[in-house]
Amino acid sequence: MSNQQKPFLCKVIAFILMIYTTLLVPTTYYAFYCQLLE
């Protein structure tokens, strides 16, 4: 793996993690909220 490819890969992984957490947090919160209502 070249040195120019590594930072790009890190950016992609960070971007995916950012989207994953952004989607995961509201979903978990919503599921938890629904369980409280039941």
C-alpha atoms as a PDB file:
ATOM      1  CA  MET A   1       0.000   0.000   0.000  1.00  0.00           C
ATOM      2  CA  SER A   2       1.450   3.360  -1.048  1.00  0.00           C
ATOM      3  CA  ASN A   3       1.640   6.384   1.211  1.00  0.00           C
ATOM      4  CA  GLN A   4      -0.868   8.297  -0.909  1.00  0.00           C
ATOM      5  CA  GLN A   5      -3.492   5.580  -0.643  1.00  0.00           C
ATOM      6  CA  LYS A   6      -3.374   5.305   3.128  1.00  0.00           C
ATOM      7  CA  PRO A   7      -4.773   8.758   4.049  1.00  0.00           C
ATOM      8  CA  PHE A   8      -7.560   8.272   1.505  1.00  0.00           C
ATOM      9  CA  LEU A   9      -8.488   4.947   3.090  1.00  0.00           C
ATOM     10  CA  CYS A  10      -8.490   6.547   6.529  1.00  0.00           C
ATOM     11  CA  LYS A  11     -10.779   9.310   5.277  1.00  0.00           C
ATOM     12  CA  VAL A  12     -13.173   6.773   3.796  1.00  0.00           C
ATOM     13  CA  ILE A  13     -13.254   4.723   7.017  1.00  0.00           C
ATOM     14  CA  ALA A  14     -13.765   7.858   9.115  1.00  0.00           C
ATOM     15  CA  PHE A  15     -16.542   9.002   6.760  1.00  0.00           C
ATOM     16  CA  ILE A  16     -18.294   5.622   6.955  1.00  0.00           C
ATOM     17  CA  LEU A  17     -17.982   5.577  10.751  1.00  0.00           C
ATOM     18  CA  MET A  18     -19.379   9.110  10.931  1.00  0.00           C
ATOM     19  CA  ILE A  19     -22.430   8.179   8.845  1.00  0.00           C
ATOM     20  CA  TYR A  20     -22.836   4.904  10.769  1.00  0.00           C
ATOM     21  CA  THR A  21     -22.910   6.624  14.153  1.00  0.00           C
ATOM     22  CA  THR A  22     -25.129   9.430  12.845  1.00  0.00           C
ATOM     23  CA  LEU A  23     -27.680   6.848  11.733  1.00  0.00           C
ATOM     24  CA  LEU A  24     -27.178   4.448  14.626  1.00  0.00           C
ATOM     25  CA  VAL A  25     -27.627   6.912  17.491  1.00  0.00           C
ATOM     26  CA  PRO A  26     -31.142   8.156  16.529  1.00  0.00           C
ATOM     27  CA  THR A  27     -32.232   4.606  15.700  1.00  0.00           C
ATOM     28  CA  THR A  28     -31.133   3.263  19.084  1.00  0.00           C
ATOM     29  CA  TYR A  29     -32.677   6.274  20.817  1.00  0.00           C
ATOM     30  CA  TYR A  30     -35.953   5.792  18.938  1.00  0.00           C
ATOM     31  CA  ALA A  31     -36.063   2.068  19.717  1.00  0.00           C
ATOM     32  CA  PHE A  32     -35.374   2.807  23.386  1.00  0.00           C
ATOM     33  CA  TYR A  33     -38.115   5.464  23.383  1.00  0.00           C
ATOM     34  CA  CYS A  34     -40.600   3.035  21.817  1.00  0.00           C
ATOM     35  CA  GLN A  35     -39.805   0.461  24.492  1.00  0.00           C
ATOM     36  CA  LEU A  36     -40.536   3.035  27.178  1.00  0.00           C
ATOM     37  CA  LEU A  37     -43.935   3.811  25.653  1.00  0.00           C
ATOM     38  CA  GLU A  38     -45.072   0.202  25.588  1.00  0.00           C
END
